[in-house]
Amino acid sequence: MNIRSVTGAYVRRARVSAIALAVVLAAGLSWWDADAVQAAPQARSSAGAAPSCSISYYLPGDVGSSPTQATLDAYSWQIFLALNAPKVGSSVSTTGDNPTLWGASSSSTITPTNPGWSSTDDLLQQVTQTSAPPFGSHYYPIECKAVKNYKNYRVVDELNKVADNTFEATVKNLSGSPAISTNGKFLRYEILLSPITFNTVVSNQWYLQSVLNILTAPLSFPCGVQSAGGSTASPATPGIGPFTIKNAWMDATGINAARYHTENLLVYTLAAQSSTGKNTCELKKMALVGMHVAHKTTTQTGWTWSTFEHKANAPDCTNTPAPPPQTPPGQNTACPAATAQKYNLAPNSSSTASQFQTCNTTPNGNGSSSTTFYANQPPNATQGYSHLCRQVPLSSGYPTAYAQSQACNTATGAKSVWSNYVLISTHWFTKFPAGTSCQNSASLLTPSNTTIQAGYAPQVTMNDGKTTFPYLANTTMESYERSVCLGCHQQALTINTSGGSNTVSTDLMYFLQLEVPAAPVNQVAGKSFQPTALAKSHRTKK
């Protein structure tokens, strides 16, 4: 069984080597018009001085002593630029693409000395009761081993953000629906673990269900500290804190790949997701279209949650979502009219309208029923393509992230692929008690507590013009479900069997709850994985 489940900035002004001032927010520039953004004159927004952005390498260890939404968004961009740098101390390319700290590029493969990060699959498919693979190792299904030079590439597989084969959509009532791009391809997903995240799991043997089941207290990952960050800090530097990345990839067929970070990847399709009923593996050029970055720090023990996506994914919705409660939860059907603009997940004026599903609604399946999807078949000709819009308009809903993205897009330059990515926003928590130590803070983040909920940032004004709600979503990964990163991940739990039905928190990391039970090492011979009764009972919408 192949398994998949799943942001103030420490700005060193003395190290700023390239100052880029953001465009006035009211300028109305298209997010996809990189050349216009690059050529924009110096400006100041109505909120004051526009943010600066340096592309010089700097990896933060924490968010700073007096964080604000603006400094959190600057911090998120520092992390994005550092993790996507070709090596520690080097900046991202200003003339094109480059390999990253966590992976390769389509012109540079992984190697034994530069293997990139391991995914949750790489870890959980290879562990045994007595051993675990080293960080940087990769797991290859049999079908992928048949591809020439397969060890030069990583494997991606899942057709949706959560894996139905591990009952994740069922367990958490999350959307298991795929996103289908305008080139007729399914997006694929992966979760990558930084060295500290990976080694924390391994050293504690949290990959064993038997170990998780006897915990008597919430498990806790270490926290990043500000002093550990810097121009020579790496994701493996002691004190830098754990990072987890979730990537969304799109088949590069038929797109202008020069505007994307691309990587040649082994695309693995399970038999159940193919009309042939057979597992397959193909080497394909894939384009990065979405990225979540989670980072646990001393100041933000509930982790920071930064989400980026490609400018060409989808247009902004014409309004913000309705305030809760609403039915269905989080859905916003305010997609704008199609224009000449080409998007990855929305129609344009030359598209065949009948091919696209209703705004922000799961497309029709292409298999034996409207809910069956086969990755090897073209989408359903009738409402079989995704029709998405960003739930919250970027410039009005997330103004500091919008301005920071313009500054950083300018700093990287129009020829850099990285100038085509935008920060949607940074999710963080404003109300941790003073002096909070590095702990598992899930209990402080209960979304049903309205006082606590008011501490989630950013707060977005809903379409009634008065209700605020901590809304954040990425069109590639929360395509048909929307809400609160912290509120969702707060529910990541495992059963404490020594106490019967007692539970312990897995420190907001879902893969420990949802993927570990399905790992081969945790399977009982002759029995397939089934969700626990406890997990079945937690059906809170994300």
Protein backbone atom coordinates (compact mmCIF):
# COMPACT_ATOMS: atom_id res chain seq x y z
CA MET A 1 0.00 0.00 0.00
CA ASN A 2 1.39 3.40 -0.98
CA ILE A 3 0.64 6.08 1.59
CA ARG A 4 0.27 9.87 1.64
CA SER A 5 -1.67 12.15 3.79
CA VAL A 6 -0.23 16.22 4.54
CA THR A 7 5.07 31.71 9.30
CA GLY A 8 7.20 38.08 12.45
CA ALA A 9 9.99 37.72 10.27
CA TYR A 10 13.52 37.84 11.57
CA VAL A 11 14.54 40.54 9.12
CA ARG A 12 18.20 41.44 9.30
CA ARG A 13 18.12 44.90 7.80
CA ALA A 14 21.93 45.06 7.86
CA ARG A 15 22.05 42.15 5.46
CA VAL A 16 19.62 43.50 2.94
CA SER A 17 21.50 43.58 -0.33
CA ALA A 18 18.61 44.11 -2.68
CA ILE A 19 15.79 46.48 -1.73
CA ALA A 20 12.55 46.08 -3.58
CA LEU A 21 9.62 48.35 -2.80
CA ALA A 22 6.14 47.01 -3.34
CA VAL A 23 3.66 48.43 -5.77
CA VAL A 24 0.83 50.55 -4.41
CA LEU A 25 -1.92 48.08 -3.63
CA ALA A 26 -4.45 50.08 -5.60
CA ALA A 27 -2.32 49.96 -8.73
CA GLY A 28 -4.41 47.08 -10.03
CA LEU A 29 -1.54 45.12 -11.59
CA SER A 30 -2.31 41.57 -12.60
CA TRP A 31 -0.61 39.00 -10.39
CA TRP A 32 0.35 37.18 -13.54
CA ASP A 33 1.93 40.26 -15.13
CA ALA A 34 5.43 39.65 -13.80
CA ASP A 35 6.98 42.15 -16.20
CA ALA A 36 4.65 44.92 -14.99
CA VAL A 37 5.48 44.14 -11.37
CA GLN A 38 9.20 44.16 -12.13
CA ALA A 39 8.98 47.55 -13.85
CA ALA A 40 6.79 49.19 -11.21
CA PRO A 41 8.28 52.35 -9.68
CA GLN A 42 9.04 52.85 -6.02
CA ALA A 43 5.83 53.40 -4.13
CA ARG A 44 4.35 53.59 -0.67
CA SER A 45 1.11 51.93 0.25
CA SER A 46 -1.62 53.69 2.16
CA ALA A 47 -0.54 51.72 5.22
CA GLY A 48 2.92 53.33 5.15
CA ALA A 49 6.28 52.30 3.75
CA ALA A 50 6.09 49.35 1.41
CA PRO A 51 7.92 46.20 2.55
CA SER A 52 11.42 45.34 1.44
CA CYS A 53 12.69 41.96 0.34
CA SER A 54 16.19 40.59 0.08
CA ILE A 55 16.87 37.39 -1.81
CA SER A 56 20.14 36.88 0.07
CA TYR A 57 20.04 33.54 1.83
CA TYR A 58 18.72 33.71 5.38
CA LEU A 59 16.88 30.91 7.15
CA PRO A 60 14.94 32.09 10.25
CA GLY A 61 14.85 30.07 13.45
CA ASP A 62 11.89 31.97 14.93
CA VAL A 63 9.50 34.80 14.11
CA GLY A 64 11.06 37.61 16.12
CA SER A 65 10.20 39.14 19.49
CA SER A 66 7.25 41.37 18.48
CA PRO A 67 5.54 39.61 15.58
CA THR A 68 2.85 41.22 13.46
CA GLN A 69 1.09 39.93 10.38
CA ALA A 70 3.46 41.96 8.20
CA THR A 71 6.59 40.56 9.86
CA LEU A 72 5.16 37.04 9.76
CA ASP A 73 4.60 37.40 6.02
CA ALA A 74 8.17 38.68 5.55
CA TYR A 75 9.38 35.72 7.60
CA SER A 76 7.40 33.35 5.38
CA TRP A 77 9.08 34.72 2.28
CA GLN A 78 12.51 34.36 3.91
CA ILE A 79 11.73 30.71 4.56
CA PHE A 80 10.39 30.21 1.04
CA LEU A 81 13.49 31.76 -0.55
CA ALA A 82 15.87 29.85 1.73
CA LEU A 83 14.30 26.42 1.36
CA ASN A 84 14.07 26.90 -2.40
CA ALA A 85 17.73 27.94 -2.68
CA PRO A 86 20.11 25.57 -4.48
CA LYS A 87 22.33 25.27 -1.42
CA VAL A 88 22.84 26.82 1.99
CA GLY A 89 24.22 30.35 1.60
CA SER A 90 23.15 30.75 -2.02
CA SER A 91 20.16 32.70 -3.32
CA VAL A 92 17.50 31.46 -5.69
CA SER A 93 18.15 31.94 -9.38
CA THR A 94 17.34 35.36 -10.85
CA THR A 95 17.56 34.05 -14.41
CA GLY A 96 15.48 30.89 -14.35
CA ASP A 97 15.07 27.80 -12.21
CA ASN A 98 17.32 25.98 -9.76
CA PRO A 99 17.39 22.83 -7.62
CA THR A 100 16.24 23.33 -4.04
CA LEU A 101 17.36 22.29 -0.57
CA TRP A 102 14.49 19.80 -0.50
CA GLY A 103 14.65 18.52 -4.09
CA ALA A 104 16.02 18.82 -7.58
CA SER A 105 14.99 20.58 -10.79
CA SER A 106 14.20 19.32 -14.27
CA SER A 107 17.78 20.12 -15.32
CA SER A 108 19.45 18.73 -12.18
CA THR A 109 18.60 15.34 -10.73
CA ILE A 110 18.96 14.16 -7.16
CA THR A 111 22.23 12.39 -6.34
CA PRO A 112 23.54 10.30 -3.44
CA THR A 113 25.29 13.40 -2.08
CA ASN A 114 22.30 15.68 -2.74
CA PRO A 115 19.25 13.47 -2.31
CA GLY A 116 16.84 16.14 -1.09
CA TRP A 117 14.38 15.54 1.73
CA SER A 118 12.60 12.30 2.46
CA SER A 119 8.84 12.16 2.23
CA THR A 120 6.50 10.52 4.71
CA ASP A 121 6.23 7.65 2.23
CA ASP A 122 10.01 7.32 2.05
CA LEU A 123 10.11 6.93 5.82
CA LEU A 124 7.04 4.82 6.52
CA GLN A 125 7.43 2.42 3.63
CA GLN A 126 10.95 1.47 4.74
CA VAL A 127 10.89 1.29 8.54
CA THR A 128 10.92 -2.00 10.38
CA GLN A 129 10.40 -2.88 14.03
CA THR A 130 14.13 -2.46 14.63
CA SER A 131 15.42 0.00 12.03
CA ALA A 132 14.66 3.13 10.03
CA PRO A 133 16.15 4.46 6.79
CA PRO A 134 18.61 7.36 6.92
CA PHE A 135 17.38 10.87 6.16
CA GLY A 136 17.45 11.53 2.42
CA SER A 137 16.66 7.98 1.40
CA HIS A 138 13.78 7.34 -0.99
CA TYR A 139 11.31 4.52 -1.43
CA TYR A 140 10.61 3.13 -4.90
CA PRO A 141 7.66 0.88 -5.75
CA ILE A 142 8.51 -2.06 -7.99
CA GLU A 143 6.96 -0.38 -11.04
CA CYS A 144 9.17 2.69 -10.54
CA LYS A 145 12.29 0.56 -10.34
CA ALA A 146 11.62 -0.42 -13.94
CA VAL A 147 12.26 3.18 -15.06
CA LYS A 148 15.81 3.79 -16.29
CA ASN A 149 17.98 5.58 -13.72
CA TYR A 150 15.06 5.63 -11.29
CA LYS A 151 17.29 6.58 -8.36
CA ASN A 152 17.82 9.99 -9.97
CA TYR A 153 14.22 10.91 -9.19
CA ARG A 154 11.72 11.08 -6.34
CA VAL A 155 8.25 9.53 -6.37
CA VAL A 156 4.95 11.42 -6.14
CA ASP A 157 1.64 9.67 -6.20
CA GLU A 158 -1.48 10.94 -4.46
CA LEU A 159 -4.32 12.34 -6.55
CA ASN A 160 -5.67 14.39 -3.66
CA LYS A 161 -4.42 16.14 -0.56
CA VAL A 162 -5.46 13.25 1.64
CA ALA A 163 -5.19 9.59 0.85
CA ASP A 164 -8.40 7.63 0.65
CA ASN A 165 -6.43 4.41 0.77
CA THR A 166 -5.54 5.26 4.37
CA PHE A 167 -9.08 6.39 5.11
CA GLU A 168 -7.94 9.96 5.76
CA ALA A 169 -10.87 11.60 4.03
CA THR A 170 -13.21 9.30 5.94
CA VAL A 171 -11.51 9.72 9.29
CA LYS A 172 -11.42 13.51 9.29
CA ASN A 173 -14.25 14.24 6.89
CA LEU A 174 -11.76 16.05 4.67
CA SER A 175 -12.20 16.42 0.96
CA GLY A 176 -10.71 13.48 -0.88
CA SER A 177 -11.56 15.08 -4.22
CA PRO A 178 -8.83 15.65 -6.81
CA ALA A 179 -7.94 18.92 -8.50
CA ILE A 180 -7.94 18.54 -12.29
CA SER A 181 -6.09 21.18 -14.29
CA THR A 182 -7.04 22.74 -17.60
CA ASN A 183 -4.52 20.52 -19.39
CA GLY A 184 -6.59 17.53 -18.29
CA LYS A 185 -4.14 16.26 -15.66
CA PHE A 186 -4.55 15.42 -12.00
CA LEU A 187 -2.48 17.36 -9.49
CA ARG A 188 -0.18 15.21 -7.35
CA TYR A 189 0.91 15.73 -3.75
CA GLU A 190 3.72 14.91 -1.32
CA ILE A 191 4.75 15.66 2.26
CA LEU A 192 8.48 16.26 2.84
CA LEU A 193 10.18 16.18 6.24
CA SER A 194 13.17 18.34 7.13
CA PRO A 195 16.17 16.66 8.80
CA ILE A 196 15.02 17.69 12.29
CA THR A 197 11.43 16.59 11.69
CA PHE A 198 12.56 13.28 10.22
CA ASN A 199 15.14 12.53 12.90
CA THR A 200 12.74 13.47 15.73
CA VAL A 201 10.26 10.90 14.46
CA VAL A 202 12.98 8.28 14.03
CA SER A 203 14.70 8.80 17.38
CA ASN A 204 11.38 8.50 19.21
CA GLN A 205 10.15 5.64 17.03
CA TRP A 206 6.92 7.54 16.37
CA TYR A 207 6.62 5.52 13.17
CA LEU A 208 5.51 2.54 15.26
CA GLN A 209 1.85 2.43 16.23
CA SER A 210 2.77 0.44 19.29
CA VAL A 211 4.92 3.33 20.51
CA LEU A 212 2.26 5.94 19.83
CA ASN A 213 -0.35 3.82 21.59
CA ILE A 214 1.45 3.77 24.93
CA LEU A 215 2.14 7.50 25.16
CA THR A 216 0.75 8.97 28.36
CA ALA A 217 1.33 12.63 27.42
CA PRO A 218 1.16 14.64 24.17
CA LEU A 219 4.21 14.15 22.02
CA SER A 220 6.15 17.27 21.12
CA PHE A 221 8.60 18.26 18.40
CA PRO A 222 11.47 20.64 19.30
CA CYS A 223 11.14 24.39 18.69
CA GLY A 224 13.23 26.69 16.54
CA VAL A 225 15.09 29.48 18.32
CA GLN A 226 15.91 32.86 16.84
CA SER A 227 19.65 32.61 17.50
CA ALA A 228 19.91 29.49 15.34
CA GLY A 229 18.81 31.31 12.19
CA GLY A 230 21.15 33.07 9.84
CA SER A 231 22.92 33.27 6.51
CA THR A 232 24.68 29.95 7.09
CA ALA A 233 21.89 28.13 8.89
CA SER A 234 20.51 25.02 7.28
CA PRO A 235 17.37 22.96 7.91
CA ALA A 236 19.64 20.60 9.85
CA THR A 237 21.19 23.27 12.09
CA PRO A 238 20.56 22.47 15.78
CA GLY A 239 17.93 24.84 17.11
CA ILE A 240 16.50 25.77 13.72
CA GLY A 241 13.33 23.84 14.46
CA PRO A 242 11.35 21.33 12.42
CA PHE A 243 9.94 22.11 8.99
CA THR A 244 7.32 20.16 7.08
CA ILE A 245 6.55 20.90 3.42
CA LYS A 246 3.51 19.84 1.46
CA ASN A 247 3.86 20.28 -2.31
CA ALA A 248 1.28 20.26 -5.08
CA TRP A 249 2.54 19.33 -8.54
CA MET A 250 0.97 19.69 -11.99
CA ASP A 251 1.92 17.83 -15.15
CA ALA A 252 3.88 20.35 -17.26
CA THR A 253 2.33 19.13 -20.51
CA GLY A 254 1.00 22.05 -22.56
CA ILE A 255 2.07 24.86 -20.21
CA ASN A 256 4.86 27.44 -20.35
CA ALA A 257 7.15 25.50 -18.05
CA ALA A 258 9.69 28.36 -18.00
CA ARG A 259 7.41 30.17 -15.53
CA TYR A 260 7.48 27.32 -12.99
CA HIS A 261 9.88 25.45 -10.79
CA THR A 262 9.91 22.05 -12.44
CA GLU A 263 11.30 18.68 -11.51
CA ASN A 264 11.35 15.34 -13.26
CA LEU A 265 9.44 13.01 -10.97
CA LEU A 266 8.31 9.42 -10.97
CA VAL A 267 4.52 9.66 -11.03
CA TYR A 268 3.11 6.54 -9.44
CA THR A 269 -0.52 5.54 -9.91
CA LEU A 270 -2.15 2.89 -7.78
CA ALA A 271 -4.19 0.16 -9.44
CA ALA A 272 -7.35 1.48 -7.79
CA GLN A 273 -6.77 4.85 -9.47
CA SER A 274 -6.35 3.41 -12.95
CA SER A 275 -8.92 2.03 -15.36
CA THR A 276 -6.49 -0.82 -16.12
CA GLY A 277 -6.50 -2.02 -12.53
CA LYS A 278 -2.69 -2.04 -12.54
CA ASN A 279 -0.05 -0.03 -10.71
CA THR A 280 1.95 2.19 -13.06
CA CYS A 281 4.96 4.49 -12.81
CA GLU A 282 5.99 7.12 -15.37
CA LEU A 283 8.77 9.68 -15.45
CA LYS A 284 7.17 13.10 -16.04
CA LYS A 285 8.16 16.74 -15.96
CA MET A 286 6.08 18.25 -13.15
CA ALA A 287 5.49 21.92 -12.29
CA LEU A 288 5.26 23.16 -8.70
CA VAL A 289 1.89 24.90 -8.26
CA GLY A 290 1.39 24.92 -4.47
CA MET A 291 3.41 24.72 -1.26
CA HIS A 292 2.54 24.66 2.45
CA VAL A 293 5.41 25.20 4.93
CA ALA A 294 4.92 24.48 8.63
CA HIS A 295 7.62 25.51 11.15
CA LYS A 296 7.53 25.05 14.91
CA THR A 297 9.26 27.80 16.88
CA THR A 298 9.70 28.91 20.48
CA THR A 299 7.41 31.90 19.94
CA GLN A 300 4.93 29.93 17.85
CA THR A 301 4.65 26.55 19.51
CA GLY A 302 1.47 25.90 17.52
CA TRP A 303 3.68 26.03 14.41
CA THR A 304 3.52 28.73 11.72
CA TRP A 305 1.67 27.86 8.52
CA SER A 306 2.82 29.60 5.32
CA THR A 307 1.04 28.83 2.08
CA PHE A 308 2.25 29.74 -1.40
CA GLU A 309 0.90 29.09 -4.84
CA HIS A 310 1.57 29.90 -8.46
CA LYS A 311 0.02 33.10 -9.80
CA ALA A 312 -1.58 31.29 -12.70
CA ASN A 313 -3.54 28.78 -10.61
CA ALA A 314 -6.86 30.61 -10.38
CA PRO A 315 -8.43 34.07 -10.20
CA ASP A 316 -9.63 35.64 -6.96
CA CYS A 317 -13.24 35.03 -6.04
CA THR A 318 -15.39 38.14 -6.40
CA ASN A 319 -16.35 38.11 -2.72
CA THR A 320 -15.26 36.60 0.57
CA PRO A 321 -16.95 33.50 1.99
CA ALA A 322 -20.15 33.59 4.01
CA PRO A 323 -19.69 33.57 7.79
CA PRO A 324 -20.13 30.31 9.64
CA PRO A 325 -22.33 28.43 10.05
CA GLN A 326 -22.88 27.85 6.39
CA THR A 327 -23.80 24.96 4.16
CA PRO A 328 -21.68 23.47 2.81
CA PRO A 329 -19.00 24.71 5.20
CA GLY A 330 -16.50 27.07 3.59
CA GLN A 331 -17.75 26.90 0.03
CA ASN A 332 -17.65 30.16 -1.91
CA THR A 333 -19.24 30.00 -5.34
CA ALA A 334 -18.34 33.59 -6.34
CA CYS A 335 -16.11 32.70 -9.29
CA PRO A 336 -15.57 35.63 -11.69
CA ALA A 337 -16.58 35.53 -15.33
CA ALA A 338 -14.02 33.95 -17.61
CA THR A 339 -11.52 36.30 -19.25
CA ALA A 340 -8.70 35.84 -21.74
CA GLN A 341 -6.36 35.07 -18.85
CA LYS A 342 -5.19 31.45 -18.82
CA TYR A 343 -5.33 29.65 -15.49
CA ASN A 344 -4.35 26.19 -14.36
CA LEU A 345 -7.57 25.49 -12.45
CA ALA A 346 -10.19 27.77 -14.02
CA PRO A 347 -11.63 28.30 -17.50
CA ASN A 348 -10.86 31.27 -19.74
CA SER A 349 -13.03 32.94 -22.36
CA SER A 350 -11.96 30.47 -25.05
CA SER A 351 -12.69 27.38 -22.93
CA THR A 352 -15.61 25.06 -23.46
CA ALA A 353 -17.78 26.06 -20.51
CA SER A 354 -19.53 22.71 -20.17
CA GLN A 355 -16.22 21.00 -19.39
CA PHE A 356 -15.85 22.88 -16.08
CA GLN A 357 -17.67 22.12 -12.87
CA THR A 358 -19.62 24.66 -10.82
CA CYS A 359 -17.37 27.12 -8.97
CA ASN A 360 -15.33 25.47 -6.19
CA THR A 361 -17.22 22.20 -6.41
CA THR A 362 -15.78 18.73 -6.93
CA PRO A 363 -15.73 17.90 -10.67
CA ASN A 364 -17.53 14.91 -12.08
CA GLY A 365 -15.58 11.68 -12.10
CA ASN A 366 -14.29 10.04 -15.25
CA GLY A 367 -14.86 6.46 -14.19
CA SER A 368 -17.85 4.24 -13.73
CA SER A 369 -19.64 6.87 -11.60
CA SER A 370 -19.53 10.61 -10.96
CA THR A 371 -17.32 9.98 -7.93
CA THR A 372 -14.82 7.61 -9.54
CA PHE A 373 -11.57 9.10 -10.84
CA TYR A 374 -8.99 7.37 -13.02
CA ALA A 375 -5.63 9.12 -13.39
CA ASN A 376 -4.91 7.44 -16.72
CA GLN A 377 -8.08 8.74 -18.38
CA PRO A 378 -9.00 12.22 -19.61
CA PRO A 379 -11.44 14.16 -17.42
CA ASN A 380 -15.16 13.76 -17.80
CA ALA A 381 -16.17 15.85 -20.81
CA THR A 382 -19.10 17.24 -18.84
CA GLN A 383 -18.09 19.25 -15.75
CA GLY A 384 -15.01 17.11 -15.33
CA TYR A 385 -12.45 19.91 -14.96
CA SER A 386 -11.87 21.92 -11.78
CA HIS A 387 -13.31 25.45 -11.71
CA LEU A 388 -11.66 27.23 -8.78
CA CYS A 389 -11.16 30.74 -7.46
CA ARG A 390 -9.12 31.91 -4.47
CA GLN A 391 -11.65 32.09 -1.65
CA VAL A 392 -10.39 35.45 -0.35
CA PRO A 393 -9.24 38.18 -2.78
CA LEU A 394 -5.54 38.58 -2.10
CA SER A 395 -5.05 42.37 -2.10
CA SER A 396 -8.01 43.12 0.16
CA GLY A 397 -8.09 39.97 2.27
CA TYR A 398 -4.37 39.55 2.91
CA PRO A 399 -2.84 43.01 2.22
CA THR A 400 0.50 42.48 3.98
CA ALA A 401 1.11 39.15 2.25
CA TYR A 402 0.08 40.71 -1.07
CA ALA A 403 2.53 43.60 -0.63
CA GLN A 404 5.32 41.29 0.54
CA SER A 405 4.85 39.06 -2.50
CA GLN A 406 5.09 42.05 -4.84
CA ALA A 407 8.31 43.14 -3.14
CA CYS A 408 9.83 39.66 -3.34
CA ASN A 409 8.63 39.08 -6.90
CA THR A 410 10.42 42.30 -7.83
CA ALA A 411 13.56 41.30 -5.93
CA THR A 412 13.84 37.91 -7.62
CA GLY A 413 13.29 39.48 -11.04
CA ALA A 414 10.98 38.76 -13.94
CA LYS A 415 13.29 36.09 -15.37
CA SER A 416 13.26 34.02 -12.18
CA VAL A 417 10.66 31.28 -11.87
CA TRP A 418 10.33 32.27 -8.19
CA SER A 419 8.83 35.65 -9.19
CA ASN A 420 5.74 33.74 -10.28
CA TYR A 421 4.82 32.49 -6.81
CA VAL A 422 2.75 34.38 -4.25
CA LEU A 423 2.24 34.06 -0.52
CA ILE A 424 -1.45 33.68 0.16
CA SER A 425 -0.83 34.41 3.84
CA THR A 426 0.76 33.14 7.05
CA HIS A 427 -1.36 31.46 9.68
CA TRP A 428 -0.17 31.96 13.27
CA PHE A 429 -1.47 32.44 16.79
CA THR A 430 -1.44 35.79 18.58
CA LYS A 431 -2.46 34.76 22.10
CA PHE A 432 0.05 32.29 23.47
CA PRO A 433 0.66 32.94 27.18
CA ALA A 434 3.81 34.92 27.96
CA GLY A 435 6.78 32.70 28.62
CA THR A 436 5.29 29.68 26.87
CA SER A 437 7.90 26.95 26.72
CA CYS A 438 8.44 24.59 23.84
CA GLN A 439 5.46 22.34 24.22
CA ASN A 440 2.61 20.76 22.37
CA SER A 441 0.12 23.64 22.25
CA ALA A 442 -2.78 21.89 20.57
CA SER A 443 -4.94 22.23 23.68
CA LEU A 444 -4.67 26.05 23.43
CA LEU A 445 -5.97 26.08 19.88
CA THR A 446 -9.39 24.49 20.24
CA PRO A 447 -11.45 26.10 17.46
CA SER A 448 -14.72 25.81 19.41
CA ASN A 449 -13.33 28.27 21.95
CA THR A 450 -14.38 31.63 20.47
CA THR A 451 -11.89 33.57 22.59
CA ILE A 452 -9.09 31.39 21.38
CA GLN A 453 -10.38 31.50 17.81
CA ALA A 454 -10.03 35.31 17.89
CA GLY A 455 -6.30 34.73 18.42
CA TYR A 456 -5.86 32.99 15.09
CA ALA A 457 -4.39 35.30 12.43
CA PRO A 458 -5.04 36.50 9.84
CA GLN A 459 -8.69 37.39 10.43
CA VAL A 460 -10.69 37.91 7.23
CA THR A 461 -13.93 39.88 6.94
CA MET A 462 -16.67 37.62 5.62
CA ASN A 463 -19.22 38.62 2.98
CA ASP A 464 -21.65 40.08 5.53
CA GLY A 465 -19.10 42.89 5.96
CA LYS A 466 -18.79 42.50 9.73
CA THR A 467 -17.98 38.95 10.78
CA THR A 468 -14.29 38.07 10.91
CA PHE A 469 -12.94 34.57 10.67
CA PRO A 470 -9.37 33.15 10.53
CA TYR A 471 -9.64 31.99 6.93
CA LEU A 472 -6.75 30.61 4.87
CA ALA A 473 -6.71 28.23 1.92
CA ASN A 474 -4.59 27.20 -1.05
CA THR A 475 -6.52 26.44 -4.25
CA THR A 476 -4.30 23.46 -5.01
CA MET A 477 -4.67 21.78 -1.62
CA GLU A 478 -7.88 23.09 -0.06
CA SER A 479 -9.64 23.10 -3.39
CA TYR A 480 -13.08 22.15 -2.10
CA GLU A 481 -12.76 22.74 1.64
CA ARG A 482 -11.80 25.92 3.50
CA SER A 483 -11.14 26.99 7.06
CA VAL A 484 -8.42 27.18 9.70
CA CYS A 485 -5.04 25.43 9.50
CA LEU A 486 -4.53 25.52 13.26
CA GLY A 487 -8.09 24.52 14.04
CA CYS A 488 -7.86 21.54 11.73
CA HIS A 489 -4.44 20.30 12.77
CA GLN A 490 -5.28 20.74 16.45
CA GLN A 491 -7.29 17.56 16.11
CA ALA A 492 -4.33 15.38 15.18
CA LEU A 493 -4.55 12.64 17.82
CA THR A 494 -3.60 9.09 18.56
CA ILE A 495 -5.15 6.55 20.89
CA ASN A 496 -3.52 5.92 24.24
CA THR A 497 -4.34 2.23 24.62
CA SER A 498 -2.84 2.04 28.10
CA GLY A 499 -5.67 4.32 29.18
CA GLY A 500 -8.41 2.75 27.11
CA SER A 501 -9.94 5.36 24.86
CA ASN A 502 -7.80 8.25 26.11
CA THR A 503 -6.08 10.30 23.46
CA VAL A 504 -2.82 12.18 23.09
CA SER A 505 -2.02 14.93 20.61
CA THR A 506 0.52 14.34 17.86
CA ASP A 507 1.61 18.03 17.95
CA LEU A 508 -0.58 19.10 15.03
CA MET A 509 1.07 16.64 12.67
CA TYR A 510 -1.64 14.61 10.96
CA PHE A 511 0.66 12.14 9.25
CA LEU A 512 1.43 10.54 12.60
CA GLN A 513 -2.23 9.81 13.16
CA LEU A 514 -3.30 9.07 9.61
CA GLU A 515 -0.31 7.47 7.88
CA VAL A 516 1.49 5.59 10.64
CA PRO A 517 -1.33 3.06 11.21
CA ALA A 518 -1.28 2.17 7.51
CA ALA A 519 2.50 1.69 7.28
CA PRO A 520 3.51 -1.87 6.38
CA VAL A 521 5.38 -2.28 9.68
CA ASN A 522 2.15 -1.64 11.56
CA GLN A 523 -0.03 -4.01 9.58
CA VAL A 524 -1.24 -7.34 10.92
CA ALA A 525 -0.72 -10.17 8.49
CA GLY A 526 -3.87 -10.93 6.56
CA LYS A 527 -5.70 -7.80 7.70
CA SER A 528 -6.03 -4.50 5.91
CA PHE A 529 -5.84 -1.16 7.67
CA GLN A 530 -9.12 0.18 9.04
CA PRO A 531 -9.64 3.52 10.78
CA THR A 532 -9.97 3.29 14.53
CA ALA A 533 -13.25 3.86 16.27
CA LEU A 534 -11.71 6.94 17.87
CA ALA A 535 -10.64 8.36 14.55
CA LYS A 536 -14.05 7.65 13.06
CA SER A 537 -15.64 9.73 15.78
CA HIS A 538 -13.65 12.86 14.90
CA ARG A 539 -15.49 14.23 11.91
CA THR A 540 -14.91 17.97 12.17
CA LYS A 541 -14.87 19.78 8.86
CA LYS A 542 -11.58 21.38 7.97
